Amino acid sequence: MTPLRLDDRDIAILATLSREGRIAKTELAARVNLSPTPCWERMKRLEKAGLIRGYRAEIDLSGLGPHVQVFVTVELESHRAESFQIFERTVARVDEITGCWAIGGGYDYLMQVITSDVAAFQALMDGLLESRAGMRRYFSYIVTKPVKDMPPALGLLGQ
């Protein structure tokens, strides 16, 4: 598949939507210096190409009650393709795992986990260790305070 060619206005549309997903279409058009119809057509083209995967609200979890956010590095017991597939299928079914990335450099995966408390986190991890997910070991890093959580600076990414 040929990558979609993007110009500065496409990048500006993506950057604005990544920060302000609920912006009015007329306001978005004004910000990227287009009239509403061409701006809307570009948005639809970016959505169809899969560059815009969806629109979400950013939720302040502290307003919902106590919780713990943990980043977890995971090492698998085996490095066969089947082992990675089993682990990834297992992770996909666990709602508390809100992000998971295959990584290089010593560990196999980095996961983001959000639970109600440390005990719930530990129960989740104990369950994963006892399951057939194939985890050899893991290291957990509890978030003590958020410092920065922003969408990527799309204008800095090369074309």
Protein backbone atom coordinates (compact mmCIF):
# COMPACT_ATOMS: atom_id res chain seq x y z
CA MET A 1 0.00 0.00 0.00
CA THR A 2 1.34 3.42 -0.96
CA PRO A 3 1.59 5.79 2.00
CA LEU A 4 -0.71 8.78 1.88
CA ARG A 5 1.11 11.95 0.85
CA LEU A 6 0.55 14.61 3.49
CA ASP A 7 1.10 18.32 3.19
CA ASP A 8 1.47 20.93 5.94
CA ARG A 9 -2.30 21.41 6.22
CA ASP A 10 -2.88 17.67 6.65
CA ILE A 11 -0.28 17.64 9.44
CA ALA A 12 -1.93 20.71 11.01
CA ILE A 13 -5.33 18.98 10.92
CA LEU A 14 -3.90 15.85 12.55
CA ALA A 15 -1.99 17.84 15.17
CA THR A 16 -5.04 19.91 16.10
CA LEU A 17 -7.33 16.88 16.30
CA SER A 18 -4.81 14.97 18.44
CA ARG A 19 -4.97 17.78 21.02
CA GLU A 20 -8.60 18.86 20.58
CA GLY A 21 -10.72 16.03 19.22
CA ARG A 22 -13.99 17.86 19.85
CA ILE A 23 -13.06 21.05 18.02
CA ALA A 24 -15.83 22.37 15.78
CA LYS A 25 -15.19 21.73 12.10
CA THR A 26 -15.46 25.45 11.30
CA GLU A 27 -12.89 26.27 14.00
CA LEU A 28 -10.58 23.52 12.72
CA ALA A 29 -10.88 24.88 9.19
CA ALA A 30 -10.02 28.38 10.39
CA ARG A 31 -6.98 27.11 12.34
CA VAL A 32 -5.52 25.36 9.31
CA ASN A 33 -6.44 28.18 6.93
CA LEU A 34 -9.01 26.28 4.85
CA SER A 35 -12.69 26.72 4.20
CA PRO A 36 -14.92 24.18 5.98
CA THR A 37 -15.72 21.92 3.00
CA PRO A 38 -12.11 21.27 1.89
CA CYS A 39 -11.13 20.81 5.55
CA TRP A 40 -13.93 18.26 6.02
CA GLU A 41 -12.85 16.43 2.83
CA ARG A 42 -9.26 16.22 4.12
CA MET A 43 -10.48 14.90 7.49
CA LYS A 44 -12.51 12.19 5.76
CA ARG A 45 -9.50 11.26 3.57
CA LEU A 46 -7.28 11.03 6.68
CA GLU A 47 -9.90 8.88 8.45
CA LYS A 48 -10.31 6.60 5.41
CA ALA A 49 -6.53 6.18 5.17
CA GLY A 50 -6.48 5.06 8.82
CA LEU A 51 -4.41 7.98 10.08
CA ILE A 52 -7.29 9.06 12.32
CA ARG A 53 -8.28 5.94 14.22
CA GLY A 54 -10.89 7.51 16.47
CA TYR A 55 -11.87 10.31 18.81
CA ARG A 56 -11.72 10.02 22.60
CA ALA A 57 -12.22 12.00 25.74
CA GLU A 58 -9.24 12.40 28.06
CA ILE A 59 -10.52 11.33 31.50
CA ASP A 60 -9.06 12.55 34.79
CA LEU A 61 -8.97 9.23 36.64
CA SER A 62 -8.39 10.91 40.01
CA GLY A 63 -11.91 12.34 39.74
CA LEU A 64 -13.33 8.82 39.55
CA GLY A 65 -11.73 7.60 42.75
CA PRO A 66 -8.62 5.83 43.94
CA HIS A 67 -6.56 3.98 41.36
CA VAL A 68 -3.01 2.96 40.64
CA GLN A 69 -1.25 3.22 37.30
CA VAL A 70 1.69 0.89 36.75
CA PHE A 71 4.14 0.41 33.91
CA VAL A 72 5.37 -3.16 33.67
CA THR A 73 8.29 -4.62 31.74
CA VAL A 74 7.76 -8.25 30.82
CA GLU A 75 10.14 -11.02 29.82
CA LEU A 76 8.67 -14.14 28.25
CA GLU A 77 9.82 -17.69 29.00
CA SER A 78 10.24 -18.51 25.33
CA HIS A 79 10.96 -16.43 22.26
CA ARG A 80 9.17 -18.60 19.73
CA ALA A 81 6.61 -16.86 17.52
CA GLU A 82 3.84 -18.89 19.13
CA SER A 83 4.84 -17.62 22.60
CA PHE A 84 4.53 -14.00 21.51
CA GLN A 85 1.13 -14.70 19.92
CA ILE A 86 -0.18 -16.42 23.07
CA PHE A 87 0.98 -13.55 25.27
CA GLU A 88 -0.51 -10.91 22.98
CA ARG A 89 -3.87 -12.72 22.80
CA THR A 90 -3.93 -13.00 26.60
CA VAL A 91 -3.13 -9.30 27.09
CA ALA A 92 -5.81 -8.28 24.58
CA ARG A 93 -8.46 -9.87 26.83
CA VAL A 94 -7.42 -8.05 30.04
CA ASP A 95 -9.24 -4.72 30.45
CA GLU A 96 -6.88 -3.47 33.17
CA ILE A 97 -4.00 -3.57 30.66
CA THR A 98 -4.61 -0.31 28.85
CA GLY A 99 -1.50 -0.35 26.71
CA CYS A 100 1.04 -2.94 25.62
CA TRP A 101 4.02 -2.52 23.33
CA ALA A 102 6.55 -5.05 22.03
CA ILE A 103 9.97 -3.54 22.71
CA GLY A 104 13.62 -4.26 22.07
CA GLY A 105 16.53 -3.88 24.43
CA GLY A 106 16.30 -6.58 27.04
CA TYR A 107 12.61 -6.97 27.79
CA ASP A 108 9.95 -8.24 25.46
CA TYR A 109 7.00 -5.97 26.34
CA LEU A 110 6.10 -2.78 28.13
CA MET A 111 2.57 -2.72 29.55
CA GLN A 112 0.48 0.03 31.08
CA VAL A 113 -1.87 -1.24 33.77
CA ILE A 114 -4.56 0.67 35.66
CA THR A 115 -6.30 -0.94 38.64
CA SER A 116 -8.20 0.22 41.70
CA ASP A 117 -5.26 -0.39 44.06
CA VAL A 118 -1.93 -2.20 44.47
CA ALA A 119 -3.65 -5.36 45.73
CA ALA A 120 -5.76 -5.55 42.55
CA PHE A 121 -2.62 -4.98 40.47
CA GLN A 122 -0.81 -7.79 42.29
CA ALA A 123 -3.77 -10.15 41.85
CA LEU A 124 -3.79 -9.38 38.12
CA MET A 125 -0.07 -10.08 37.79
CA ASP A 126 -0.32 -13.27 39.87
CA GLY A 127 -3.08 -14.43 37.54
CA LEU A 128 -0.95 -13.69 34.48
CA LEU A 129 1.99 -15.60 35.96
CA GLU A 130 -0.23 -18.60 36.73
CA SER A 131 -1.92 -18.53 33.33
CA ARG A 132 -0.46 -19.92 30.15
CA ALA A 133 0.55 -16.41 29.00
CA GLY A 134 4.22 -17.41 29.11
CA MET A 135 5.61 -14.70 31.40
CA ARG A 136 8.99 -15.54 32.91
CA ARG A 137 9.24 -12.41 35.05
CA TYR A 138 8.16 -8.82 35.23
CA PHE A 139 9.22 -5.56 36.83
CA SER A 140 6.64 -3.01 37.92
CA TYR A 141 6.97 0.77 38.11
CA ILE A 142 4.16 2.52 39.98
CA VAL A 143 3.33 6.01 38.74
CA THR A 144 3.56 8.43 41.66
CA LYS A 145 2.50 11.51 39.69
CA PRO A 146 1.95 12.38 36.05
CA VAL A 147 4.55 14.79 34.69
CA LYS A 148 3.73 14.95 30.98
CA ASP A 149 1.20 13.19 28.78
CA MET A 150 0.84 14.82 25.40
CA PRO A 151 0.13 13.70 21.85
CA PRO A 152 3.21 13.55 19.62
CA ALA A 153 4.49 16.75 18.00
CA LEU A 154 3.43 15.69 14.51
CA GLY A 155 5.22 18.57 12.81
CA LEU A 156 8.54 17.15 14.04
CA LEU A 157 7.98 13.75 12.44
CA GLY A 158 9.55 13.39 9.00
CA GLN A 159 7.61 12.77 5.86
